[in-house]
C-alpha atoms as a PDB file:
ATOM      1  CA  MET A   1       0.000   0.000   0.000  1.00  0.00           C
ATOM      2  CA  PRO A   2       1.464   3.395  -0.882  1.00  0.00           C
ATOM      3  CA  THR A   3       2.594   5.574   2.000  1.00  0.00           C
ATOM      4  CA  ILE A   4       0.228   8.428   1.144  1.00  0.00           C
ATOM      5  CA  VAL A   5      -2.729   6.035   1.346  1.00  0.00           C
ATOM      6  CA  LYS A   6      -1.554   4.741   4.731  1.00  0.00           C
ATOM      7  CA  LEU A   7      -1.139   8.298   5.997  1.00  0.00           C
ATOM      8  CA  THR A   8      -4.615   9.253   4.793  1.00  0.00           C
ATOM      9  CA  ILE A   9      -6.242   6.200   6.369  1.00  0.00           C
ATOM     10  CA  SER A  10      -4.290   6.785   9.598  1.00  0.00           C
ATOM     11  CA  LEU A  11      -5.481  10.388   9.765  1.00  0.00           C
ATOM     12  CA  ILE A  12      -9.098   9.367   9.174  1.00  0.00           C
ATOM     13  CA  VAL A  13      -8.926   6.647  11.846  1.00  0.00           C
ATOM     14  CA  ILE A  14      -7.346   9.039  14.355  1.00  0.00           C
ATOM     15  CA  LEU A  15     -10.002  11.691  13.697  1.00  0.00           C
ATOM     16  CA  VAL A  16     -12.862   9.196  14.024  1.00  0.00           C
ATOM     17  CA  ALA A  17     -11.373   7.751  17.229  1.00  0.00           C
ATOM     18  CA  ALA A  18     -10.994  11.254  18.678  1.00  0.00           C
ATOM     19  CA  ALA A  19     -14.596  12.081  17.763  1.00  0.00           C
ATOM     20  CA  GLY A  20     -15.794   8.810  19.307  1.00  0.00           C
ATOM     21  CA  TYR A  21     -13.796   9.516  22.448  1.00  0.00           C
ATOM     22  CA  ALA A  22     -15.270  13.020  22.708  1.00  0.00           C
ATOM     23  CA  LEU A  23     -18.799  11.698  22.176  1.00  0.00           C
ATOM     24  CA  GLN A  24     -18.422   9.002  24.821  1.00  0.00           C
ATOM     25  CA  ALA A  25     -16.906  11.521  27.249  1.00  0.00           C
ATOM     26  CA  HIS A  26     -19.815  13.898  26.604  1.00  0.00           C
ATOM     27  CA  LEU A  27     -22.272  11.087  27.327  1.00  0.00           C
ATOM     28  CA  GLY A  28     -20.444  10.265  30.559  1.00  0.00           C
ATOM     29  CA  GLN A  29     -19.308   6.809  29.496  1.00  0.00           C
ATOM     30  CA  VAL A  30     -15.946   5.967  31.058  1.00  0.00           C
ATOM     31  CA  GLY A  31     -15.202   2.453  29.780  1.00  0.00           C
ATOM     32  CA  PRO A  32     -16.315   2.873  26.169  1.00  0.00           C
ATOM     33  CA  LYS A  33     -14.334   6.086  25.683  1.00  0.00           C
ATOM     34  CA  TYR A  34     -11.107   4.285  26.603  1.00  0.00           C
ATOM     35  CA  ALA A  35     -12.062   1.350  24.383  1.00  0.00           C
ATOM     36  CA  VAL A  36     -12.555   3.696  21.418  1.00  0.00           C
ATOM     37  CA  LEU A  37      -9.208   5.362  22.109  1.00  0.00           C
ATOM     38  CA  PHE A  38      -7.395   2.020  22.426  1.00  0.00           C
ATOM     39  CA  LEU A  39      -8.971   0.515  19.301  1.00  0.00           C
ATOM     40  CA  GLY A  40      -8.162   3.586  17.207  1.00  0.00           C
ATOM     41  CA  ALA A  41      -4.520   3.519  18.275  1.00  0.00           C
ATOM     42  CA  PHE A  42      -4.363  -0.257  17.799  1.00  0.00           C
ATOM     43  CA  MET A  43      -5.711  -0.024  14.239  1.00  0.00           C
ATOM     44  CA  VAL A  44      -3.182   2.621  13.222  1.00  0.00           C
ATOM     45  CA  ILE A  45      -0.237   0.788  14.790  1.00  0.00           C
ATOM     46  CA  ALA A  46      -1.298  -2.549  13.286  1.00  0.00           C
ATOM     47  CA  MET A  47      -1.610  -1.052   9.812  1.00  0.00           C
ATOM     48  CA  TRP A  48       1.954   0.285   9.944  1.00  0.00           C
ATOM     49  CA  LEU A  49       3.474  -2.671  11.792  1.00  0.00           C
ATOM     50  CA  PHE A  50       2.173  -5.662   9.845  1.00  0.00           C
ATOM     51  CA  PRO A  51       2.993  -5.980   6.142  1.00  0.00           C
ATOM     52  CA  GLU A  52       0.375  -6.217   3.457  1.00  0.00           C
ATOM     53  CA  VAL A  53      -0.345  -9.751   2.278  1.00  0.00           C
ATOM     54  CA  SER A  54       0.786 -10.398  -1.269  1.00  0.00           C
ATOM     55  CA  ARG A  55       0.244 -13.621  -3.133  1.00  0.00           C
ATOM     56  CA  LYS A  56       2.771 -14.992  -5.551  1.00  0.00           C
ATOM     57  CA  GLU A  57       1.638 -17.096  -8.459  1.00  0.00           C
ATOM     58  CA  ILE A  58       2.945 -20.634  -8.502  1.00  0.00           C
ATOM     59  CA  ARG A  59       4.106 -21.647 -11.949  1.00  0.00           C
ATOM     60  CA  LYS A  60       3.773 -25.316 -12.801  1.00  0.00           C
END
Protein backbone atom coordinates (compact mmCIF):
# COMPACT_ATOMS: atom_id res chain seq x y z
CA MET A 1 0.00 0.00 0.00
CA PRO A 2 1.46 3.40 -0.88
CA THR A 3 2.59 5.57 2.00
CA ILE A 4 0.23 8.43 1.14
CA VAL A 5 -2.73 6.04 1.35
CA LYS A 6 -1.55 4.74 4.73
CA LEU A 7 -1.14 8.30 6.00
CA THR A 8 -4.61 9.25 4.79
CA ILE A 9 -6.24 6.20 6.37
CA SER A 10 -4.29 6.79 9.60
CA LEU A 11 -5.48 10.39 9.77
CA ILE A 12 -9.10 9.37 9.17
CA VAL A 13 -8.93 6.65 11.85
CA ILE A 14 -7.35 9.04 14.36
CA LEU A 15 -10.00 11.69 13.70
CA VAL A 16 -12.86 9.20 14.02
CA ALA A 17 -11.37 7.75 17.23
CA ALA A 18 -10.99 11.25 18.68
CA ALA A 19 -14.60 12.08 17.76
CA GLY A 20 -15.79 8.81 19.31
CA TYR A 21 -13.80 9.52 22.45
CA ALA A 22 -15.27 13.02 22.71
CA LEU A 23 -18.80 11.70 22.18
CA GLN A 24 -18.42 9.00 24.82
CA ALA A 25 -16.91 11.52 27.25
CA HIS A 26 -19.81 13.90 26.60
CA LEU A 27 -22.27 11.09 27.33
CA GLY A 28 -20.44 10.27 30.56
CA GLN A 29 -19.31 6.81 29.50
CA VAL A 30 -15.95 5.97 31.06
CA GLY A 31 -15.20 2.45 29.78
CA PRO A 32 -16.32 2.87 26.17
CA LYS A 33 -14.33 6.09 25.68
CA TYR A 34 -11.11 4.29 26.60
CA ALA A 35 -12.06 1.35 24.38
CA VAL A 36 -12.55 3.70 21.42
CA LEU A 37 -9.21 5.36 22.11
CA PHE A 38 -7.39 2.02 22.43
CA LEU A 39 -8.97 0.51 19.30
CA GLY A 40 -8.16 3.59 17.21
CA ALA A 41 -4.52 3.52 18.28
CA PHE A 42 -4.36 -0.26 17.80
CA MET A 43 -5.71 -0.02 14.24
CA VAL A 44 -3.18 2.62 13.22
CA ILE A 45 -0.24 0.79 14.79
CA ALA A 46 -1.30 -2.55 13.29
CA MET A 47 -1.61 -1.05 9.81
CA TRP A 48 1.95 0.29 9.94
CA LEU A 49 3.47 -2.67 11.79
CA PHE A 50 2.17 -5.66 9.85
CA PRO A 51 2.99 -5.98 6.14
CA GLU A 52 0.38 -6.22 3.46
CA VAL A 53 -0.34 -9.75 2.28
CA SER A 54 0.79 -10.40 -1.27
CA ARG A 55 0.24 -13.62 -3.13
CA LYS A 56 2.77 -14.99 -5.55
CA GLU A 57 1.64 -17.10 -8.46
CA ILE A 58 2.94 -20.63 -8.50
CA ARG A 59 4.11 -21.65 -11.95
CA LYS A 60 3.77 -25.32 -12.80
